[in-house]
Amino acid sequence: MRLTQPELATLCGAAEISVHKALREMRHSRLVTTRYGRITVWDLARLRNSADMAPDQRRMDAY
């Protein structure tokens, strides 16, 4: 299923800029790659771990 970043933002009720920032951090941490309409998750376990952290601990570049 193709899904653009603006569509993802709408689906999760977030601002587009927040989705762009989160995806940029995840790309920097090599958790995901993105292309138009596509997000590929490379490390699902680490992505799940980062989602379970307290909000003040979610800096992806700490890995």
N, C-alpha and C. Protein backbone atom coordinates (compact mmCIF):
# COMPACT_ATOMS: atom_id res chain seq x y z
N MET A 1 0.84 -1.17 0.00
CA MET A 1 0.00 0.00 0.00
C MET A 1 0.89 1.24 0.00
N ARG A 2 0.71 2.09 -0.96
CA ARG A 2 1.49 3.33 -1.02
C ARG A 2 0.89 4.35 -0.07
N LEU A 3 1.77 5.04 0.65
CA LEU A 3 1.33 6.03 1.62
C LEU A 3 2.36 7.15 1.67
N THR A 4 1.94 8.35 1.35
CA THR A 4 2.86 9.49 1.40
C THR A 4 2.99 9.98 2.83
N GLN A 5 4.01 10.78 3.07
CA GLN A 5 4.22 11.32 4.41
C GLN A 5 3.06 12.23 4.84
N PRO A 6 2.52 13.07 3.96
CA PRO A 6 1.34 13.86 4.35
C PRO A 6 0.14 12.97 4.70
N GLU A 7 -0.03 11.88 3.96
CA GLU A 7 -1.12 10.95 4.27
C GLU A 7 -0.88 10.27 5.62
N LEU A 8 0.36 9.90 5.89
CA LEU A 8 0.71 9.31 7.17
C LEU A 8 0.41 10.28 8.31
N ALA A 9 0.76 11.55 8.13
CA ALA A 9 0.50 12.57 9.14
C ALA A 9 -1.00 12.68 9.41
N THR A 10 -1.79 12.67 8.36
CA THR A 10 -3.24 12.76 8.51
C THR A 10 -3.78 11.55 9.25
N LEU A 11 -3.30 10.36 8.89
CA LEU A 11 -3.79 9.13 9.53
C LEU A 11 -3.50 9.09 11.03
N CYS A 12 -2.34 9.59 11.42
CA CYS A 12 -1.99 9.51 12.85
C CYS A 12 -2.29 10.80 13.60
N GLY A 13 -2.87 11.78 12.92
CA GLY A 13 -3.26 13.02 13.59
C GLY A 13 -2.10 13.89 14.00
N ALA A 14 -1.02 13.81 13.25
CA ALA A 14 0.19 14.59 13.56
C ALA A 14 0.39 15.66 12.50
N ALA A 15 1.17 16.66 12.86
CA ALA A 15 1.54 17.68 11.88
C ALA A 15 2.53 17.06 10.90
N GLU A 16 2.44 17.48 9.65
CA GLU A 16 3.36 16.97 8.63
C GLU A 16 4.81 17.15 9.04
N ILE A 17 5.12 18.31 9.59
CA ILE A 17 6.50 18.60 9.99
C ILE A 17 6.97 17.61 11.06
N SER A 18 6.08 17.18 11.93
CA SER A 18 6.44 16.19 12.96
C SER A 18 6.77 14.84 12.34
N VAL A 19 5.99 14.45 11.33
CA VAL A 19 6.25 13.19 10.64
C VAL A 19 7.58 13.27 9.89
N HIS A 20 7.83 14.40 9.22
CA HIS A 20 9.09 14.58 8.50
C HIS A 20 10.27 14.48 9.47
N LYS A 21 10.16 15.12 10.62
CA LYS A 21 11.24 15.11 11.61
C LYS A 21 11.47 13.70 12.16
N ALA A 22 10.40 13.02 12.51
CA ALA A 22 10.52 11.67 13.06
C ALA A 22 11.15 10.73 12.04
N LEU A 23 10.71 10.81 10.80
CA LEU A 23 11.28 9.94 9.76
C LEU A 23 12.74 10.28 9.49
N ARG A 24 13.07 11.57 9.52
CA ARG A 24 14.47 11.97 9.33
C ARG A 24 15.35 11.36 10.43
N GLU A 25 14.87 11.42 11.69
CA GLU A 25 15.63 10.83 12.80
C GLU A 25 15.75 9.32 12.65
N MET A 26 14.68 8.67 12.20
CA MET A 26 14.73 7.22 12.01
C MET A 26 15.65 6.85 10.86
N ARG A 27 15.68 7.67 9.80
CA ARG A 27 16.63 7.42 8.70
C ARG A 27 18.05 7.60 9.19
N HIS A 28 18.29 8.64 9.96
CA HIS A 28 19.63 8.91 10.50
C HIS A 28 20.11 7.74 11.37
N SER A 29 19.19 7.14 12.10
CA SER A 29 19.52 5.99 12.95
C SER A 29 19.52 4.68 12.19
N ARG A 30 19.26 4.74 10.88
CA ARG A 30 19.22 3.57 10.01
C ARG A 30 18.16 2.54 10.40
N LEU A 31 17.06 3.06 10.93
CA LEU A 31 15.93 2.20 11.25
C LEU A 31 15.03 2.04 10.03
N VAL A 32 14.94 3.08 9.21
CA VAL A 32 14.07 3.05 8.04
C VAL A 32 14.76 3.74 6.86
N THR A 33 14.25 3.46 5.68
CA THR A 33 14.57 4.26 4.50
C THR A 33 13.23 4.70 3.92
N THR A 34 13.25 5.81 3.20
CA THR A 34 12.02 6.32 2.62
C THR A 34 12.23 6.64 1.15
N ARG A 35 11.18 6.42 0.39
CA ARG A 35 11.07 6.84 -1.00
C ARG A 35 9.64 7.32 -1.17
N TYR A 36 9.33 7.96 -2.26
CA TYR A 36 7.99 8.47 -2.44
C TYR A 36 6.95 7.36 -2.26
N GLY A 37 6.08 7.55 -1.28
CA GLY A 37 5.01 6.60 -1.04
C GLY A 37 5.44 5.31 -0.37
N ARG A 38 6.69 5.25 0.11
CA ARG A 38 7.19 4.00 0.66
C ARG A 38 8.10 4.25 1.86
N ILE A 39 7.89 3.49 2.92
CA ILE A 39 8.77 3.50 4.09
C ILE A 39 9.18 2.06 4.32
N THR A 40 10.48 1.80 4.33
CA THR A 40 10.99 0.44 4.57
C THR A 40 11.63 0.41 5.94
N VAL A 41 11.15 -0.50 6.79
CA VAL A 41 11.70 -0.66 8.14
C VAL A 41 12.81 -1.70 8.08
N TRP A 42 14.01 -1.32 8.54
CA TRP A 42 15.17 -2.22 8.50
C TRP A 42 15.44 -2.89 9.83
N ASP A 43 15.00 -2.30 10.93
CA ASP A 43 15.26 -2.88 12.24
C ASP A 43 14.01 -2.74 13.10
N LEU A 44 13.08 -3.65 12.91
CA LEU A 44 11.79 -3.59 13.59
C LEU A 44 11.93 -3.68 15.11
N ALA A 45 12.81 -4.52 15.59
CA ALA A 45 12.98 -4.67 17.04
C ALA A 45 13.43 -3.35 17.67
N ARG A 46 14.41 -2.70 17.06
CA ARG A 46 14.89 -1.42 17.59
C ARG A 46 13.85 -0.33 17.44
N LEU A 47 13.08 -0.36 16.37
CA LEU A 47 12.00 0.61 16.19
C LEU A 47 10.95 0.43 17.27
N ARG A 48 10.59 -0.81 17.55
CA ARG A 48 9.63 -1.07 18.63
C ARG A 48 10.18 -0.62 19.97
N ASN A 49 11.46 -0.89 20.22
CA ASN A 49 12.10 -0.45 21.46
C ASN A 49 12.02 1.06 21.61
N SER A 50 12.30 1.79 20.56
CA SER A 50 12.28 3.25 20.63
C SER A 50 10.86 3.76 20.87
N ALA A 51 9.86 3.06 20.37
CA ALA A 51 8.48 3.46 20.59
C ALA A 51 8.04 3.23 22.03
N ASP A 52 8.67 2.27 22.72
CA ASP A 52 8.30 1.96 24.09
C ASP A 52 8.99 2.86 25.12
N MET A 53 9.90 3.71 24.68
CA MET A 53 10.63 4.58 25.60
C MET A 53 9.77 5.73 26.08
N ALA A 54 10.13 6.29 27.21
CA ALA A 54 9.48 7.49 27.71
C ALA A 54 9.75 8.62 26.72
N PRO A 55 8.84 9.60 26.62
CA PRO A 55 9.00 10.68 25.63
C PRO A 55 10.34 11.39 25.70
N ASP A 56 10.91 11.58 26.87
CA ASP A 56 12.19 12.30 26.97
C ASP A 56 13.38 11.43 26.59
N GLN A 57 13.16 10.17 26.31
CA GLN A 57 14.24 9.26 25.94
C GLN A 57 14.19 8.86 24.47
N ARG A 58 13.34 9.47 23.67
CA ARG A 58 13.11 9.04 22.29
C ARG A 58 14.09 9.57 21.28
N ARG A 59 15.15 10.18 21.69
CA ARG A 59 16.15 10.67 20.73
C ARG A 59 16.78 9.48 20.03
N MET A 60 16.53 9.33 18.76
CA MET A 60 17.01 8.18 18.00
C MET A 60 18.53 8.21 17.83
N ASP A 61 19.14 9.39 17.85
CA ASP A 61 20.58 9.45 17.61
C ASP A 61 21.38 8.97 18.81
N ALA A 62 20.71 8.56 19.88
CA ALA A 62 21.39 8.05 21.05
C ALA A 62 21.84 6.60 20.85
N TYR A 63 21.38 5.97 19.77
CA TYR A 63 21.73 4.56 19.51
C TYR A 63 23.09 4.44 18.89
